[in-house]
Amino acid sequence: MKTRACYVMRDQVENLIPTIMKQSVTSKSRQSEKLMSVVSVVVVTFVYLLAMALSAD
């Protein structure tokens, strides 16, 4: 029984890990990260307060 050999070209894996691990350290990404954190906190707080208001009735 023969199996088909799968080959990976060297160009496909060369410098693959450094490109994956490369991080973009810019103020824009930090600002968007902070904004997403604030939005998340606001949404969670709103849902919590809404649940408290509905359960009080």
PDB file of N, CA and C in Angstrom:
ATOM      1  N   MET A   1       0.838  -1.182   0.000  1.00  0.00           N
ATOM      2  CA  MET A   1       0.000   0.000   0.000  1.00  0.00           C
ATOM      3  C   MET A   1       0.882   1.244   0.000  1.00  0.00           C
ATOM      4  N   LYS A   2       0.620   2.131  -0.934  1.00  0.00           N
ATOM      5  CA  LYS A   2       1.424   3.342  -1.040  1.00  0.00           C
ATOM      6  C   LYS A   2       0.619   4.535  -0.533  1.00  0.00           C
ATOM      7  N   THR A   3       1.306   5.469   0.065  1.00  0.00           N
ATOM      8  CA  THR A   3       0.661   6.718   0.475  1.00  0.00           C
ATOM      9  C   THR A   3       1.277   7.849  -0.318  1.00  0.00           C
ATOM     10  N   ARG A   4       0.487   8.839  -0.584  1.00  0.00           N
ATOM     11  CA  ARG A   4       0.970   9.987  -1.330  1.00  0.00           C
ATOM     12  C   ARG A   4       1.817  10.857  -0.405  1.00  0.00           C
ATOM     13  N   ALA A   5       3.012  11.190  -0.816  1.00  0.00           N
ATOM     14  CA  ALA A   5       3.911  12.023  -0.008  1.00  0.00           C
ATOM     15  C   ALA A   5       3.482  13.484  -0.124  1.00  0.00           C
ATOM     16  N   CYS A   6       3.407  14.143   1.000  1.00  0.00           N
ATOM     17  CA  CYS A   6       3.066  15.566   1.019  1.00  0.00           C
ATOM     18  C   CYS A   6       4.342  16.367   1.216  1.00  0.00           C
ATOM     19  N   TYR A   7       4.578  17.264   0.312  1.00  0.00           N
ATOM     20  CA  TYR A   7       5.778  18.071   0.380  1.00  0.00           C
ATOM     21  C   TYR A   7       5.410  19.517   0.674  1.00  0.00           C
ATOM     22  N   VAL A   8       6.237  20.157   1.478  1.00  0.00           N
ATOM     23  CA  VAL A   8       6.060  21.569   1.784  1.00  0.00           C
ATOM     24  C   VAL A   8       7.255  22.297   1.200  1.00  0.00           C
ATOM     25  N   MET A   9       6.966  23.300   0.425  1.00  0.00           N
ATOM     26  CA  MET A   9       8.053  24.059  -0.183  1.00  0.00           C
ATOM     27  C   MET A   9       8.780  24.867   0.875  1.00  0.00           C
ATOM     28  N   ARG A  10      10.067  24.991   0.714  1.00  0.00           N
ATOM     29  CA  ARG A  10      10.878  25.724   1.678  1.00  0.00           C
ATOM     30  C   ARG A  10      10.424  27.175   1.795  1.00  0.00           C
ATOM     31  N   ASP A  11       9.965  27.771   0.701  1.00  0.00           N
ATOM     32  CA  ASP A  11       9.517  29.165   0.730  1.00  0.00           C
ATOM     33  C   ASP A  11       8.305  29.346   1.639  1.00  0.00           C
ATOM     34  N   GLN A  12       7.514  28.312   1.822  1.00  0.00           N
ATOM     35  CA  GLN A  12       6.306  28.413   2.636  1.00  0.00           C
ATOM     36  C   GLN A  12       6.615  28.455   4.129  1.00  0.00           C
ATOM     37  N   VAL A  13       7.738  27.909   4.541  1.00  0.00           N
ATOM     38  CA  VAL A  13       8.055  27.845   5.965  1.00  0.00           C
ATOM     39  C   VAL A  13       9.225  28.722   6.375  1.00  0.00           C
ATOM     40  N   GLU A  14       9.930  29.287   5.436  1.00  0.00           N
ATOM     41  CA  GLU A  14      11.076  30.110   5.767  1.00  0.00           C
ATOM     42  C   GLU A  14      10.630  31.385   6.472  1.00  0.00           C
ATOM     43  N   ASN A  15      11.198  31.671   7.614  1.00  0.00           N
ATOM     44  CA  ASN A  15      10.881  32.855   8.423  1.00  0.00           C
ATOM     45  C   ASN A  15       9.409  32.913   8.811  1.00  0.00           C
ATOM     46  N   LEU A  16       8.788  31.777   8.973  1.00  0.00           N
ATOM     47  CA  LEU A  16       7.371  31.744   9.309  1.00  0.00           C
ATOM     48  C   LEU A  16       7.125  32.193  10.746  1.00  0.00           C
ATOM     49  N   ILE A  17       7.912  31.673  11.694  1.00  0.00           N
ATOM     50  CA  ILE A  17       7.716  32.006  13.102  1.00  0.00           C
ATOM     51  C   ILE A  17       7.977  33.493  13.381  1.00  0.00           C
ATOM     52  N   PRO A  18       9.055  34.081  12.894  1.00  0.00           N
ATOM     53  CA  PRO A  18       9.251  35.517  13.164  1.00  0.00           C
ATOM     54  C   PRO A  18       8.127  36.388  12.622  1.00  0.00           C
ATOM     55  N   THR A  19       7.552  36.029  11.488  1.00  0.00           N
ATOM     56  CA  THR A  19       6.465  36.845  10.953  1.00  0.00           C
ATOM     57  C   THR A  19       5.203  36.678  11.774  1.00  0.00           C
ATOM     58  N   ILE A  20       4.980  35.475  12.317  1.00  0.00           N
ATOM     59  CA  ILE A  20       3.814  35.265  13.171  1.00  0.00           C
ATOM     60  C   ILE A  20       3.994  36.000  14.491  1.00  0.00           C
ATOM     61  N   MET A  21       5.181  35.944  15.052  1.00  0.00           N
ATOM     62  CA  MET A  21       5.443  36.521  16.371  1.00  0.00           C
ATOM     63  C   MET A  21       5.691  38.022  16.333  1.00  0.00           C
ATOM     64  N   LYS A  22       5.852  38.582  15.144  1.00  0.00           N
ATOM     65  CA  LYS A  22       6.123  40.007  15.042  1.00  0.00           C
ATOM     66  C   LYS A  22       4.924  40.792  15.574  1.00  0.00           C
ATOM     67  N   GLN A  23       5.194  41.734  16.435  1.00  0.00           N
ATOM     68  CA  GLN A  23       4.120  42.534  17.005  1.00  0.00           C
ATOM     69  C   GLN A  23       4.247  43.956  16.521  1.00  0.00           C
ATOM     70  N   SER A  24       3.122  44.518  16.196  1.00  0.00           N
ATOM     71  CA  SER A  24       3.091  45.909  15.784  1.00  0.00           C
ATOM     72  C   SER A  24       2.876  46.758  17.029  1.00  0.00           C
ATOM     73  N   VAL A  25       3.900  47.495  17.414  1.00  0.00           N
ATOM     74  CA  VAL A  25       3.811  48.321  18.614  1.00  0.00           C
ATOM     75  C   VAL A  25       3.635  49.763  18.166  1.00  0.00           C
ATOM     76  N   THR A  26       2.397  50.130  17.973  1.00  0.00           N
ATOM     77  CA  THR A  26       2.103  51.500  17.587  1.00  0.00           C
ATOM     78  C   THR A  26       1.072  52.058  18.537  1.00  0.00           C
ATOM     79  N   SER A  27       1.005  53.351  18.603  1.00  0.00           N
ATOM     80  CA  SER A  27       0.046  53.979  19.500  1.00  0.00           C
ATOM     81  C   SER A  27      -1.382  53.745  19.023  1.00  0.00           C
ATOM     82  N   LYS A  28      -1.569  53.582  17.718  1.00  0.00           N
ATOM     83  CA  LYS A  28      -2.912  53.352  17.184  1.00  0.00           C
ATOM     84  C   LYS A  28      -3.487  52.043  17.702  1.00  0.00           C
ATOM     85  N   SER A  29      -2.682  50.984  17.716  1.00  0.00           N
ATOM     86  CA  SER A  29      -3.184  49.702  18.201  1.00  0.00           C
ATOM     87  C   SER A  29      -3.453  49.756  19.699  1.00  0.00           C
ATOM     88  N   ARG A  30      -2.635  50.500  20.426  1.00  0.00           N
ATOM     89  CA  ARG A  30      -2.857  50.640  21.867  1.00  0.00           C
ATOM     90  C   ARG A  30      -4.129  51.428  22.137  1.00  0.00           C
ATOM     91  N   GLN A  31      -4.371  52.448  21.338  1.00  0.00           N
ATOM     92  CA  GLN A  31      -5.589  53.241  21.519  1.00  0.00           C
ATOM     93  C   GLN A  31      -6.823  52.407  21.220  1.00  0.00           C
ATOM     94  N   SER A  32      -6.770  51.618  20.176  1.00  0.00           N
ATOM     95  CA  SER A  32      -7.924  50.785  19.842  1.00  0.00           C
ATOM     96  C   SER A  32      -8.118  49.706  20.896  1.00  0.00           C
ATOM     97  N   GLU A  33      -7.025  49.222  21.468  1.00  0.00           N
ATOM     98  CA  GLU A  33      -7.123  48.225  22.535  1.00  0.00           C
ATOM     99  C   GLU A  33      -7.763  48.842  23.781  1.00  0.00           C
ATOM    100  N   LYS A  34      -7.370  50.056  24.111  1.00  0.00           N
ATOM    101  CA  LYS A  34      -7.970  50.747  25.257  1.00  0.00           C
ATOM    102  C   LYS A  34      -9.448  51.020  24.998  1.00  0.00           C
ATOM    103  N   LEU A  35      -9.776  51.427  23.790  1.00  0.00           N
ATOM    104  CA  LEU A  35     -11.156  51.703  23.435  1.00  0.00           C
ATOM    105  C   LEU A  35     -12.011  50.440  23.557  1.00  0.00           C
ATOM    106  N   MET A  36     -11.499  49.325  23.081  1.00  0.00           N
ATOM    107  CA  MET A  36     -12.237  48.065  23.179  1.00  0.00           C
ATOM    108  C   MET A  36     -12.422  47.660  24.637  1.00  0.00           C
ATOM    109  N   SER A  37     -11.438  47.918  25.479  1.00  0.00           N
ATOM    110  CA  SER A  37     -11.562  47.611  26.901  1.00  0.00           C
ATOM    111  C   SER A  37     -12.647  48.450  27.542  1.00  0.00           C
ATOM    112  N   VAL A  38     -12.675  49.739  27.225  1.00  0.00           N
ATOM    113  CA  VAL A  38     -13.686  50.633  27.779  1.00  0.00           C
ATOM    114  C   VAL A  38     -15.081  50.225  27.307  1.00  0.00           C
ATOM    115  N   VAL A  39     -15.206  49.916  26.029  1.00  0.00           N
ATOM    116  CA  VAL A  39     -16.498  49.482  25.480  1.00  0.00           C
ATOM    117  C   VAL A  39     -16.953  48.192  26.156  1.00  0.00           C
ATOM    118  N   SER A  40     -16.041  47.268  26.375  1.00  0.00           N
ATOM    119  CA  SER A  40     -16.386  46.009  27.030  1.00  0.00           C
ATOM    120  C   SER A  40     -16.893  46.244  28.446  1.00  0.00           C
ATOM    121  N   VAL A  41     -16.210  47.110  29.194  1.00  0.00           N
ATOM    122  CA  VAL A  41     -16.626  47.403  30.560  1.00  0.00           C
ATOM    123  C   VAL A  41     -17.998  48.066  30.571  1.00  0.00           C
ATOM    124  N   VAL A  42     -18.233  48.989  29.657  1.00  0.00           N
ATOM    125  CA  VAL A  42     -19.525  49.674  29.594  1.00  0.00           C
ATOM    126  C   VAL A  42     -20.641  48.681  29.273  1.00  0.00           C
ATOM    127  N   VAL A  43     -20.415  47.799  28.323  1.00  0.00           N
ATOM    128  CA  VAL A  43     -21.446  46.822  27.941  1.00  0.00           C
ATOM    129  C   VAL A  43     -21.742  45.871  29.094  1.00  0.00           C
ATOM    130  N   VAL A  44     -20.709  45.367  29.750  1.00  0.00           N
ATOM    131  CA  VAL A  44     -20.911  44.440  30.857  1.00  0.00           C
ATOM    132  C   VAL A  44     -21.643  45.136  32.003  1.00  0.00           C
ATOM    133  N   THR A  45     -21.263  46.370  32.310  1.00  0.00           N
ATOM    134  CA  THR A  45     -21.919  47.118  33.381  1.00  0.00           C
ATOM    135  C   THR A  45     -23.391  47.367  33.045  1.00  0.00           C
ATOM    136  N   PHE A  46     -23.661  47.733  31.800  1.00  0.00           N
ATOM    137  CA  PHE A  46     -25.034  47.982  31.378  1.00  0.00           C
ATOM    138  C   PHE A  46     -25.888  46.723  31.501  1.00  0.00           C
ATOM    139  N   VAL A  47     -25.357  45.600  31.056  1.00  0.00           N
ATOM    140  CA  VAL A  47     -26.097  44.341  31.136  1.00  0.00           C
ATOM    141  C   VAL A  47     -26.332  43.959  32.595  1.00  0.00           C
ATOM    142  N   TYR A  48     -25.340  44.168  33.441  1.00  0.00           N
ATOM    143  CA  TYR A  48     -25.493  43.862  34.866  1.00  0.00           C
ATOM    144  C   TYR A  48     -26.572  44.733  35.503  1.00  0.00           C
ATOM    145  N   LEU A  49     -26.527  46.028  35.229  1.00  0.00           N
ATOM    146  CA  LEU A  49     -27.527  46.932  35.795  1.00  0.00           C
ATOM    147  C   LEU A  49     -28.923  46.631  35.246  1.00  0.00           C
ATOM    148  N   LEU A  50     -29.011  46.283  33.991  1.00  0.00           N
ATOM    149  CA  LEU A  50     -30.282  45.918  33.396  1.00  0.00           C
ATOM    150  C   LEU A  50     -30.855  44.654  34.060  1.00  0.00           C
ATOM    151  N   ALA A  51     -30.001  43.682  34.290  1.00  0.00           N
ATOM    152  CA  ALA A  51     -30.442  42.460  34.956  1.00  0.00           C
ATOM    153  C   ALA A  51     -30.892  42.737  36.383  1.00  0.00           C
ATOM    154  N   MET A  52     -30.189  43.625  37.061  1.00  0.00           N
ATOM    155  CA  MET A  52     -30.580  43.989  38.432  1.00  0.00           C
ATOM    156  C   MET A  52     -31.933  44.708  38.429  1.00  0.00           C
ATOM    157  N   ALA A  53     -32.140  45.589  37.460  1.00  0.00           N
ATOM    158  CA  ALA A  53     -33.398  46.334  37.383  1.00  0.00           C
ATOM    159  C   ALA A  53     -34.568  45.393  37.060  1.00  0.00           C
ATOM    160  N   LEU A  54     -34.345  44.444  36.188  1.00  0.00           N
ATOM    161  CA  LEU A  54     -35.413  43.511  35.822  1.00  0.00           C
ATOM    162  C   LEU A  54     -35.741  42.532  36.951  1.00  0.00           C
ATOM    163  N   SER A  55     -34.734  42.175  37.726  1.00  0.00           N
ATOM    164  CA  SER A  55     -34.982  41.231  38.812  1.00  0.00           C
ATOM    165  C   SER A  55     -35.622  41.909  40.018  1.00  0.00           C
ATOM    166  N   ALA A  56     -35.547  43.236  40.117  1.00  0.00           N
ATOM    167  CA  ALA A  56     -36.132  43.958  41.233  1.00  0.00           C
ATOM    168  C   ALA A  56     -37.644  44.012  41.130  1.00  0.00           C
ATOM    169  N   ASP A  57     -38.173  43.890  39.935  1.00  0.00           N
ATOM    170  CA  ASP A  57     -39.644  43.975  39.754  1.00  0.00           C
ATOM    171  C   ASP A  57     -40.359  42.802  40.322  1.00  0.00           C
TER     172      ASP A  57
END
